[in-house]
Each structure stands twice: as C-alpha cells, then as structure tokens.
Amino acid sequence: MFEFEKYILPEMRVIWEKERRYSTWLEVELAILEAENELNLIPADIAAETRDNARFTVEEIDEEDKKRDQEMVSFSTVIKKSLPARVTPFWHSGVTSFDIWEPGRALQIKESLLLIKKALQDLIKSLRDMAQEYMYDLEIGRTHGVHAEPITFGLKILNWVDELERHLNKLRGKGSELVVGKVSGAVGNYANINPRIEALVCKKLGIRAAKISNQIVSRDRHYDLLATLSSIANSLEKFATNIRLLQQTEISEVEEPFSEGGGSSAMPHKRNPNKSERICSLARLIRAFVIVAGENQALQWHERSLDESANERFTIPFSLMLLYYMLCLFNELIVGLKVNTDRMLENLALTKGVIFSEAVMLALAKKGMGREDARLLVQKIAQEAWNQREDFLEKLKGDSRITTLLSEEEISNCLLPDDHLKNIDQIFARFGIKRKEE
C-alpha cells in the first residue's frame, strides 16, 4: 500500500487497475476481429472463437513482461497462448500497440468521466440546497480581506453553484472530443488494416474515431482533458480556501464537520479545517500535471516517440482519481458544514455601521452634493468612526454637513440592510431557486 491510496476511492481505483486495463485491451482486440468478420475479411467464426477462449491473468502478463519489458507484447503473448491454433494467425494482426492502447485508454477515461460528472452533479445539488437554505441570511461581504458591504451566505454559495455548473456543461460538451480512439497502424496510413475497421471498432466501443492520427492520437486532446480537470480542481480550491478563511477563530462563521478523536495531536482544543486544506493541497498536484500534459502535446519526433508514454501512466489516471476524490470529499464537507448565522450577524455589526457608507454617499448625491465631495466627506466620517470605534450612525447625525441635507430618518434608513436583500429573489430565480417554504 502506498501513502496516497487513501485518496483514491474504490469505484475509481478499479478503472485504473491492471485488470481493467488489460480487459479493455482485450475488448479492443475482439472488436477488431468482429469488425473484420463483418467486412468478411476473416473466417466467420474467428471472432467468436477468440472471445470464447481468450484468457489472461495479471500475474502471467507481469511475469512475461519481466522478460520483454514491453507490456503490449507481453499481453498479446499471454492471450495468444490461450487461443486455438487456427485463431492465432488473426490475433493482433495488422495493428500496432497503440491501436489497442488508445481505444482502451479512451474507455477508461470515458468511465472515469462518468463518475466525475455524477460527483459534480451531487455536489451541485448539495450547494444548491445550501444556497436556498441561507438565501436571506446576512453576512458581511469581504473584498481584499476587508469588510465591504452585506451579502447573504446563500449568495456566496450560489456563486459556487454557477461555477460548477459551467464545469459540468463543459465536460458534457467535451465528451466526444476527449474520448477518442484510433486503429490506423504504425504511422496512421492504414497500410495493414482496412480504414473501415477503425470506424466500426470505435462505434462498437462507444467512442469517437479520430479523423486522422499517426501512431497515436494527438496529445492536444489530453492536454485539454487535464486542463479541464485542473480548472475544476482550481474551483474546489477556491471554495475550500473560503471555508478556511471563514473558519478562522476571529471569524468563526462556518466550521467543517469534525470527527471526535481527530484534530491536533498536541492541542486538544483545536478543530482544524483539514478537509479544505487537503483539497487545496491536491489541487496543486493536478495543476502540476497540466504542465506535463503541455510538454506531451509537443512530443512528436515525426510520427511517434515515447516521451509521453511513461508519464501518462501517472498524469491521466491520477488527475481523474484525485479530482473524483476531491469532489466527493468537498460534498461530504458541504453536507456536514456547520453554519453560524449568529456569528455572521455579530461580524456584520463589528464595524459599527461603516459598511453602509456607500448608501450615505449616494443619498447625499441625490440631495445635490457632488458625488466626489460626498465620497470624501463620508470617507472622513467613516474612518474617524472606525479608528475611534464609535457608532457610524451617531457620527453622521452629529455632522451638520450631513444633517443639512438628510433627516435623521433618512440617515437611519441608509444604515439598514434592506437594499442588500431586495434583489436576492431575482438572482436566485436565474437558477430556478425560490425562497424555501417556512
């Protein structure tokens, strides 16, 4: 067992184990024989007889590979030993290793993306539920790490929903571009295999055939895949960082679910945002894999080299496996997140009303004061109030330059959060979300 295995969930792990890889290779080989059968290029019963007899074990292939150090040859050799003599002339005939590997990996990617899309859908639902739950719960908005103006916690979460829904739509749209196979021979000219076989094989496997290839399909697709996965990971890191910031002791507006007996080994009082920190840590790794994928895009020494081959055994599976884990972990975090709305209101009042300075400025401008003059005046009063920890409302009421234009009631109305809530319904309606029934 490796240290990283705790971050690989079983339903994703099985897709990238050797057993599955060799099984997909066998399915590709069988699809080629079936296509040749349909085109009357081989005796009618060869494909069926091969399917009935083809056998392998991972251990056999591993043992063969110790001698050969060429995994596809080792795989093909082991399978060939299990086949009747009349079948063997047609086995792995006219194809090169990556005529098998490329469609096989495409199947693994396709299966992995189905899990990722499902995990995205589950997380989006959890976030939509949370956004609706806290649709009108006021929280201070922060820009540059500084108190800005009131928002609602639901509005913060709805921004996350929007970002993830874009990712999901991109993945849905990219499926046919990213899941591509080829069966075109050693340099892509179909010298020893009928071009119609490629189309039939890819159709049987449920993937798209490359319009053109050389020995492999071009790696811009794989770069695009990893960049897409990295973008999703970036979003998760962004959300997790927000949770880490909101969980700081001085803020304490949210708190990750906590397992009894967990936490710091030295300081029993601490409840650390471990899940959020883990998500941020893994996002860095997925981003790093994109750099490697970019190098692979420029790999071709003419029609083929092996520059990408070894590193793709890490970059593609690990990007998919880790992102799936991150999505599931963040969903678990969101479902169990403790939201402290009372603390949000306390923080909202922390600056004693100066967060409503824009409303005061605009009210003065409507009464005839120049906007820049109003901004400088309100800025001076607000900064004095904050520096002296005094109530902003009282400072405003005590300034004749303000009271000559605004009544006490008008000043007080500027310091109410009503304007920050009046359009919440409209924003949520864009997502088909209504106020939760009491």
Protein backbone atom coordinates (compact mmCIF):
# COMPACT_ATOMS: atom_id res chain seq x y z
CA MET A 1 0.00 0.00 0.00
CA PHE A 2 1.24 3.47 -0.89
CA GLU A 3 0.64 6.58 1.21
CA PHE A 4 -1.52 8.18 -1.46
CA GLU A 5 -4.00 5.31 -1.67
CA LYS A 6 -6.28 6.83 1.00
CA TYR A 7 -7.12 9.49 -1.59
CA ILE A 8 -8.26 7.01 -4.25
CA LEU A 9 -11.83 5.80 -3.91
CA PRO A 10 -12.55 2.16 -4.82
CA GLU A 11 -15.03 2.80 -7.64
CA MET A 12 -12.41 4.94 -9.42
CA ARG A 13 -9.46 2.79 -8.45
CA VAL A 14 -10.86 -0.28 -10.22
CA ILE A 15 -11.00 1.59 -13.54
CA TRP A 16 -7.24 2.14 -13.50
CA GLU A 17 -6.03 -1.16 -12.10
CA LYS A 18 -4.12 -3.51 -14.37
CA GLU A 19 -7.01 -5.95 -14.56
CA ARG A 20 -9.27 -3.31 -16.12
CA ARG A 21 -6.57 -2.02 -18.46
CA TYR A 22 -5.94 -5.50 -19.87
CA SER A 23 -9.68 -6.16 -20.06
CA THR A 24 -10.18 -3.03 -22.17
CA TRP A 25 -7.28 -4.07 -24.41
CA LEU A 26 -8.94 -7.43 -24.92
CA GLU A 27 -12.24 -5.73 -25.77
CA VAL A 28 -10.45 -3.64 -28.41
CA GLU A 29 -8.75 -6.72 -29.90
CA LEU A 30 -12.08 -8.54 -30.01
CA ALA A 31 -13.81 -5.52 -31.56
CA ILE A 32 -11.19 -5.51 -34.32
CA LEU A 33 -11.83 -9.19 -35.07
CA GLU A 34 -15.59 -8.64 -35.05
CA ALA A 35 -15.19 -5.71 -37.45
CA GLU A 36 -13.05 -7.82 -39.75
CA ASN A 37 -15.71 -10.50 -39.55
CA GLU A 38 -18.44 -8.02 -40.54
CA LEU A 39 -16.35 -6.96 -43.52
CA ASN A 40 -15.77 -10.61 -44.48
CA LEU A 41 -12.01 -10.21 -44.11
CA ILE A 42 -11.59 -13.28 -41.87
CA PRO A 43 -13.41 -16.61 -41.48
CA ALA A 44 -16.83 -16.11 -39.89
CA ASP A 45 -16.18 -17.91 -36.60
CA ILE A 46 -12.77 -16.47 -35.71
CA ALA A 47 -14.05 -13.57 -33.61
CA ALA A 48 -16.47 -15.73 -31.63
CA GLU A 49 -13.88 -18.45 -31.07
CA THR A 50 -11.37 -15.87 -29.86
CA ARG A 51 -13.88 -14.39 -27.42
CA ASP A 52 -14.70 -17.87 -26.08
CA ASN A 53 -11.09 -18.83 -25.49
CA ALA A 54 -9.09 -15.66 -24.74
CA ARG A 55 -7.80 -15.72 -21.16
CA PHE A 56 -5.20 -13.88 -19.10
CA THR A 57 -4.16 -13.17 -15.56
CA VAL A 58 -2.33 -10.08 -14.42
CA GLU A 59 0.33 -12.29 -12.87
CA GLU A 60 1.01 -14.05 -16.18
CA ILE A 61 1.39 -10.76 -18.01
CA ASP A 62 3.64 -9.35 -15.27
CA GLU A 63 5.85 -12.41 -15.46
CA GLU A 64 6.07 -12.21 -19.25
CA ASP A 65 6.88 -8.51 -19.03
CA LYS A 66 9.86 -9.16 -16.80
CA LYS A 67 11.48 -10.78 -19.83
CA ARG A 68 10.19 -8.48 -22.56
CA ASP A 69 9.79 -5.04 -20.95
CA GLN A 70 7.06 -4.30 -23.49
CA GLU A 71 3.65 -4.50 -21.89
CA MET A 72 1.53 -4.80 -25.02
CA VAL A 73 3.70 -7.60 -26.43
CA SER A 74 3.54 -9.35 -23.06
CA PHE A 75 -0.25 -9.01 -23.00
CA SER A 76 -0.61 -10.23 -26.56
CA THR A 77 1.73 -13.17 -25.94
CA VAL A 78 -0.21 -14.36 -22.88
CA ILE A 79 -3.55 -14.14 -24.68
CA LYS A 80 -2.18 -15.91 -27.73
CA LYS A 81 -1.19 -18.90 -25.60
CA SER A 82 -4.84 -19.39 -24.65
CA LEU A 83 -6.12 -19.39 -28.24
CA PRO A 84 -6.67 -22.35 -30.59
CA ALA A 85 -4.03 -22.72 -33.31
CA ARG A 86 -6.44 -21.83 -36.12
CA VAL A 87 -7.19 -18.48 -34.45
CA THR A 88 -3.66 -17.28 -33.69
CA PRO A 89 -2.79 -16.07 -37.24
CA PHE A 90 -5.57 -13.49 -36.93
CA TRP A 91 -4.72 -12.33 -33.40
CA HIS A 92 -3.22 -8.80 -33.17
CA SER A 93 -2.75 -8.84 -36.92
CA GLY A 94 -2.03 -5.63 -38.83
CA VAL A 95 -2.11 -3.40 -35.76
CA THR A 96 0.44 -1.62 -33.61
CA SER A 97 0.44 -1.37 -29.81
CA PHE A 98 -1.33 1.97 -29.68
CA ASP A 99 -4.10 0.78 -31.98
CA ILE A 100 -5.06 -1.16 -28.86
CA TRP A 101 -3.84 1.18 -26.13
CA GLU A 102 -5.51 4.38 -27.40
CA PRO A 103 -9.06 3.00 -27.67
CA GLY A 104 -8.56 1.10 -24.40
CA ARG A 105 -7.46 4.20 -22.51
CA ALA A 106 -10.32 6.15 -24.08
CA LEU A 107 -12.70 3.63 -22.49
CA GLN A 108 -11.05 4.14 -19.10
CA ILE A 109 -11.26 7.91 -19.45
CA LYS A 110 -14.89 7.67 -20.51
CA GLU A 111 -15.78 5.56 -17.48
CA SER A 112 -13.86 7.90 -15.17
CA LEU A 113 -15.60 10.96 -16.56
CA LEU A 114 -18.98 9.37 -15.87
CA LEU A 115 -18.04 9.12 -12.19
CA ILE A 116 -16.72 12.68 -12.15
CA LYS A 117 -19.86 14.07 -13.79
CA LYS A 118 -22.03 12.22 -11.27
CA ALA A 119 -19.91 13.57 -8.38
CA LEU A 120 -20.23 17.08 -9.83
CA GLN A 121 -23.99 16.72 -10.04
CA ASP A 122 -24.17 15.53 -6.42
CA LEU A 123 -22.03 18.43 -5.21
CA ILE A 124 -24.05 20.96 -7.20
CA LYS A 125 -27.25 19.65 -5.63
CA SER A 126 -25.77 19.95 -2.12
CA LEU A 127 -24.64 23.50 -2.84
CA ARG A 128 -27.98 24.49 -4.36
CA ASP A 129 -29.72 23.18 -1.25
CA MET A 130 -27.35 25.16 0.97
CA ALA A 131 -27.76 28.31 -1.12
CA GLN A 132 -31.54 28.06 -0.79
CA GLU A 133 -31.29 27.35 2.96
CA TYR A 134 -29.26 30.53 3.58
CA MET A 135 -30.75 32.64 0.82
CA TYR A 136 -31.54 35.56 3.14
CA ASP A 137 -29.01 35.04 5.93
CA LEU A 138 -26.92 38.19 6.03
CA GLU A 139 -23.15 38.02 6.06
CA ILE A 140 -20.53 40.68 5.54
CA GLY A 141 -19.07 40.64 2.06
CA ARG A 142 -15.30 40.95 2.03
CA THR A 143 -13.09 42.37 -0.70
CA HIS A 144 -9.30 42.41 -0.32
CA GLY A 145 -9.89 40.65 3.01
CA VAL A 146 -11.65 43.77 4.34
CA HIS A 147 -15.32 44.27 5.26
CA ALA A 148 -17.14 45.62 2.21
CA GLU A 149 -20.96 45.52 2.14
CA PRO A 150 -23.57 42.97 3.27
CA ILE A 151 -24.38 39.97 1.12
CA THR A 152 -26.09 36.75 2.12
CA PHE A 153 -24.35 33.45 2.76
CA GLY A 154 -26.68 31.88 0.21
CA LEU A 155 -25.49 34.33 -2.44
CA LYS A 156 -21.88 33.39 -1.74
CA ILE A 157 -22.71 29.71 -2.22
CA LEU A 158 -24.77 30.42 -5.35
CA ASN A 159 -21.64 31.79 -7.00
CA TRP A 160 -20.05 28.40 -6.40
CA VAL A 161 -23.07 26.67 -7.95
CA ASP A 162 -22.74 28.77 -11.08
CA GLU A 163 -19.04 27.96 -11.43
CA LEU A 164 -19.53 24.22 -11.05
CA GLU A 165 -22.49 24.16 -13.43
CA ARG A 166 -20.24 25.71 -16.08
CA HIS A 167 -17.68 22.98 -15.47
CA LEU A 168 -20.34 20.30 -15.77
CA ASN A 169 -21.61 21.74 -19.06
CA LYS A 170 -18.05 21.86 -20.42
CA LEU A 171 -17.46 18.22 -19.51
CA ARG A 172 -20.71 17.21 -21.15
CA GLY A 173 -19.79 19.09 -24.29
CA LYS A 174 -16.22 17.82 -24.41
CA GLY A 175 -17.03 14.13 -24.09
CA SER A 176 -16.79 13.34 -27.77
CA GLU A 177 -13.62 15.40 -28.16
CA LEU A 178 -11.79 13.83 -25.23
CA VAL A 179 -12.82 10.20 -25.68
CA VAL A 180 -11.19 9.30 -28.99
CA GLY A 181 -9.63 6.16 -30.40
CA LYS A 182 -7.66 5.12 -33.46
CA VAL A 183 -6.85 1.89 -35.33
CA SER A 184 -4.71 3.22 -38.16
CA GLY A 185 -1.45 1.29 -37.97
CA ALA A 186 2.13 2.21 -37.18
CA VAL A 187 2.18 5.63 -38.87
CA GLY A 188 -1.51 6.28 -39.44
CA ASN A 189 -1.84 5.29 -43.09
CA TYR A 190 -3.81 2.02 -42.61
CA ALA A 191 -1.14 0.12 -44.52
CA ASN A 192 -2.05 -3.23 -42.97
CA ILE A 193 -5.61 -2.68 -41.82
CA ASN A 194 -8.79 -1.57 -43.56
CA PRO A 195 -9.77 2.02 -42.58
CA ARG A 196 -13.39 0.89 -42.17
CA ILE A 197 -12.31 -1.28 -39.24
CA GLU A 198 -11.38 1.79 -37.19
CA ALA A 199 -14.85 3.29 -37.58
CA LEU A 200 -16.56 0.00 -36.73
CA VAL A 201 -14.33 -0.64 -33.71
CA CYS A 202 -14.85 2.82 -32.22
CA LYS A 203 -18.60 2.58 -32.79
CA LYS A 204 -18.71 -0.80 -31.03
CA LEU A 205 -16.75 0.65 -28.09
CA GLY A 206 -18.91 3.78 -27.86
CA ILE A 207 -16.08 6.23 -28.56
CA ARG A 208 -15.30 8.57 -31.45
CA ALA A 209 -12.78 7.66 -34.12
CA ALA A 210 -10.04 10.19 -34.73
CA LYS A 211 -10.39 11.92 -38.08
CA ILE A 212 -6.66 11.44 -38.58
CA SER A 213 -3.77 10.11 -36.49
CA ASN A 214 -0.24 8.87 -36.80
CA GLN A 215 0.85 6.10 -34.45
CA ILE A 216 -1.12 7.83 -31.66
CA VAL A 217 -3.86 10.43 -31.42
CA SER A 218 -2.59 13.98 -30.98
CA ARG A 219 -2.00 14.96 -27.37
CA ASP A 220 -3.76 18.32 -27.56
CA ARG A 221 -6.83 16.29 -26.52
CA HIS A 222 -5.11 15.01 -23.41
CA TYR A 223 -3.84 18.48 -22.58
CA ASP A 224 -7.39 19.77 -22.95
CA LEU A 225 -8.65 16.99 -20.68
CA LEU A 226 -6.16 17.68 -17.91
CA ALA A 227 -6.64 21.45 -18.22
CA THR A 228 -10.39 20.92 -17.81
CA LEU A 229 -9.87 18.70 -14.75
CA SER A 230 -7.42 21.23 -13.34
CA SER A 231 -9.92 24.05 -13.77
CA ILE A 232 -12.46 22.09 -11.70
CA ALA A 233 -9.78 21.45 -9.07
CA ASN A 234 -8.98 25.18 -9.06
CA SER A 235 -12.62 25.95 -8.29
CA LEU A 236 -12.66 23.47 -5.44
CA GLU A 237 -9.51 25.04 -4.04
CA LYS A 238 -11.12 28.46 -4.26
CA PHE A 239 -14.20 27.27 -2.34
CA ALA A 240 -12.12 25.39 0.21
CA THR A 241 -9.95 28.45 0.79
CA ASN A 242 -13.10 30.47 1.51
CA ILE A 243 -14.13 27.89 4.10
CA ARG A 244 -10.67 28.01 5.67
CA LEU A 245 -10.90 31.79 5.92
CA LEU A 246 -14.41 31.74 7.36
CA GLN A 247 -13.37 29.10 9.92
CA GLN A 248 -10.59 31.28 11.36
CA THR A 249 -11.15 31.78 15.09
CA GLU A 250 -11.62 35.52 14.72
CA ILE A 251 -14.35 34.98 12.10
CA SER A 252 -15.93 31.62 13.06
CA GLU A 253 -18.81 31.82 10.59
CA VAL A 254 -18.52 28.23 9.40
CA GLU A 255 -16.89 25.05 10.65
CA GLU A 256 -16.03 21.83 8.88
CA PRO A 257 -17.61 18.62 10.18
CA PHE A 258 -15.38 17.34 12.97
CA SER A 259 -14.66 13.72 13.86
CA GLU A 260 -14.40 13.04 17.56
CA GLY A 261 -10.87 11.98 18.37
CA GLY A 262 -9.49 13.86 15.38
CA GLY A 263 -7.90 17.29 15.36
CA SER A 264 -4.50 18.30 16.63
CA SER A 265 -2.40 15.63 18.32
CA ALA A 266 -0.83 18.28 20.58
CA MET A 267 -3.63 20.80 21.20
CA PRO A 268 -6.92 19.09 22.08
CA HIS A 269 -8.97 22.29 21.76
CA LYS A 270 -8.29 22.73 18.03
CA ARG A 271 -10.68 21.93 15.20
CA ASN A 272 -8.66 22.38 12.05
CA PRO A 273 -10.11 22.70 8.52
CA ASN A 274 -8.27 19.55 7.45
CA LYS A 275 -10.58 18.60 4.58
CA SER A 276 -10.38 22.04 3.00
CA GLU A 277 -6.62 22.06 3.36
CA ARG A 278 -6.40 18.63 1.75
CA ILE A 279 -8.44 19.83 -1.23
CA CYS A 280 -6.12 22.82 -1.68
CA SER A 281 -3.08 20.55 -1.47
CA LEU A 282 -4.33 18.08 -4.09
CA ALA A 283 -5.38 20.87 -6.47
CA ARG A 284 -1.72 21.88 -6.71
CA LEU A 285 -0.80 18.39 -7.86
CA ILE A 286 -3.45 18.31 -10.58
CA ARG A 287 -2.28 21.74 -11.81
CA ALA A 288 1.26 20.42 -11.99
CA PHE A 289 0.15 17.52 -14.18
CA VAL A 290 -1.16 20.03 -16.72
CA ILE A 291 2.41 21.25 -17.24
CA VAL A 292 3.47 17.70 -18.13
CA ALA A 293 0.50 17.32 -20.47
CA GLY A 294 1.59 20.51 -22.22
CA GLU A 295 5.05 19.05 -22.72
CA ASN A 296 3.46 15.92 -24.15
CA GLN A 297 1.48 17.93 -26.68
CA ALA A 298 4.77 18.77 -28.41
CA LEU A 299 6.13 15.23 -28.16
CA GLN A 300 6.24 14.15 -31.76
CA TRP A 301 9.54 13.30 -33.32
CA HIS A 302 7.92 12.83 -36.70
CA GLU A 303 5.21 10.14 -36.33
CA ARG A 304 5.98 8.87 -32.81
CA SER A 305 8.20 8.88 -29.76
CA LEU A 306 7.68 7.63 -26.23
CA ASP A 307 8.08 10.98 -24.48
CA GLU A 308 4.53 10.88 -23.15
CA SER A 309 4.14 7.17 -22.58
CA ALA A 310 5.62 6.72 -19.09
CA ASN A 311 4.38 9.97 -17.57
CA GLU A 312 0.80 9.48 -18.81
CA ARG A 313 0.60 6.42 -16.58
CA PHE A 314 0.62 8.99 -13.76
CA THR A 315 -0.86 12.20 -15.12
CA ILE A 316 -4.09 10.88 -16.65
CA PRO A 317 -5.17 8.32 -14.03
CA PHE A 318 -4.08 10.44 -11.06
CA SER A 319 -5.79 13.59 -12.34
CA LEU A 320 -9.04 11.69 -12.74
CA MET A 321 -8.75 9.75 -9.49
CA LEU A 322 -7.75 12.72 -7.35
CA LEU A 323 -10.38 15.05 -8.78
CA TYR A 324 -13.07 12.47 -8.12
CA TYR A 325 -11.86 12.13 -4.54
CA MET A 326 -11.83 15.93 -4.12
CA LEU A 327 -15.39 16.25 -5.42
CA CYS A 328 -16.66 13.54 -3.08
CA LEU A 329 -14.72 14.98 -0.13
CA PHE A 330 -15.98 18.51 -0.72
CA ASN A 331 -19.56 17.24 -0.99
CA GLU A 332 -19.12 15.47 2.34
CA LEU A 333 -17.74 18.71 3.78
CA ILE A 334 -20.67 20.79 2.50
CA VAL A 335 -23.33 18.36 3.72
CA GLY A 336 -21.81 18.43 7.21
CA LEU A 337 -20.81 22.11 7.28
CA LYS A 338 -21.81 23.97 10.43
CA VAL A 339 -23.02 27.47 9.54
CA ASN A 340 -23.08 30.02 12.37
CA THR A 341 -25.58 32.69 11.28
CA ASP A 342 -25.48 34.40 14.70
CA ARG A 343 -21.77 34.92 14.31
CA MET A 344 -22.36 36.33 10.83
CA LEU A 345 -24.63 38.99 12.32
CA GLU A 346 -22.06 39.76 15.01
CA ASN A 347 -19.38 40.27 12.35
CA LEU A 348 -21.80 42.37 10.32
CA ALA A 349 -22.07 44.77 13.25
CA LEU A 350 -18.37 44.67 14.08
CA THR A 351 -17.53 47.91 12.29
CA LYS A 352 -20.46 49.78 13.89
CA GLY A 353 -22.25 50.66 10.67
CA VAL A 354 -19.47 51.97 8.43
CA ILE A 355 -20.23 49.20 5.92
CA PHE A 356 -23.26 51.25 4.83
CA SER A 357 -21.12 54.22 3.77
CA GLU A 358 -21.98 53.88 0.07
CA ALA A 359 -25.69 54.28 0.76
CA VAL A 360 -25.00 57.50 2.70
CA MET A 361 -22.78 58.83 -0.10
CA LEU A 362 -25.45 58.13 -2.75
CA ALA A 363 -28.18 59.70 -0.59
CA LEU A 364 -26.13 62.90 -0.27
CA ALA A 365 -25.51 62.96 -4.02
CA LYS A 366 -29.25 62.68 -4.67
CA LYS A 367 -29.76 65.71 -2.45
CA GLY A 368 -27.44 67.79 -4.61
CA MET A 369 -23.98 67.29 -3.14
CA GLY A 370 -21.33 66.46 -5.72
CA ARG A 371 -20.62 62.73 -5.72
CA GLU A 372 -16.88 63.11 -5.15
CA ASP A 373 -17.50 65.67 -2.39
CA ALA A 374 -19.96 63.24 -0.82
CA ARG A 375 -17.45 60.39 -1.09
CA LEU A 376 -14.67 62.35 0.60
CA LEU A 377 -16.98 63.59 3.36
CA VAL A 378 -18.42 60.17 4.14
CA GLN A 379 -14.98 58.58 3.91
CA LYS A 380 -13.62 61.01 6.52
CA ILE A 381 -16.51 60.38 8.92
CA ALA A 382 -16.41 56.61 8.41
CA GLN A 383 -12.67 56.39 9.00
CA GLU A 384 -12.92 58.50 12.13
CA ALA A 385 -15.75 56.33 13.42
CA TRP A 386 -13.79 53.13 12.79
CA ASN A 387 -10.49 54.45 14.16
CA GLN A 388 -12.23 55.60 17.34
CA ARG A 389 -14.54 52.56 17.46
CA GLU A 390 -17.54 54.86 17.53
CA ASP A 391 -21.01 54.33 16.11
CA PHE A 392 -21.21 55.47 12.49
CA LEU A 393 -24.85 56.50 12.80
CA GLU A 394 -24.13 58.81 15.71
CA LYS A 395 -21.15 60.34 13.90
CA LEU A 396 -23.35 61.04 10.88
CA LYS A 397 -26.09 62.59 13.00
CA GLY A 398 -23.53 64.80 14.67
CA ASP A 399 -22.19 66.31 11.45
CA SER A 400 -24.05 69.38 10.23
CA ARG A 401 -22.86 68.87 6.67
CA ILE A 402 -24.87 65.65 6.69
CA THR A 403 -27.91 66.78 8.66
CA THR A 404 -28.47 69.87 6.49
CA LEU A 405 -29.26 67.51 3.61
CA LEU A 406 -30.58 64.35 5.27
CA SER A 407 -33.11 63.92 8.07
CA GLU A 408 -32.37 61.54 10.95
CA GLU A 409 -34.82 59.06 9.48
CA GLU A 410 -33.14 59.24 6.08
CA ILE A 411 -29.74 58.73 7.68
CA SER A 412 -31.01 55.75 9.68
CA ASN A 413 -32.59 54.21 6.57
CA CYS A 414 -29.20 54.32 4.85
CA LEU A 415 -27.86 52.02 7.54
CA LEU A 416 -30.48 49.29 7.07
CA PRO A 417 -29.63 46.12 5.08
CA ASP A 418 -32.87 46.21 3.07
CA ASP A 419 -31.26 47.34 -0.18
CA HIS A 420 -28.81 44.44 0.04
CA LEU A 421 -31.69 41.95 0.09
CA LYS A 422 -34.17 43.46 -2.35
CA ASN A 423 -32.85 41.68 -5.47
CA ILE A 424 -31.95 38.33 -3.95
CA ASP A 425 -35.11 36.70 -5.32
CA GLN A 426 -34.27 37.80 -8.85
CA ILE A 427 -30.72 36.45 -8.68
CA PHE A 428 -31.84 33.08 -7.36
CA ALA A 429 -34.63 32.90 -9.93
CA ARG A 430 -31.97 32.73 -12.65
CA PHE A 431 -31.09 29.33 -11.18
CA GLY A 432 -34.67 28.20 -10.74
CA ILE A 433 -34.40 28.53 -6.95
CA LYS A 434 -37.19 30.04 -4.87
CA ARG A 435 -37.32 31.05 -1.24
CA LYS A 436 -37.55 27.96 0.93
CA GLU A 437 -41.03 27.43 2.35
CA GLU A 438 -41.20 28.08 6.08
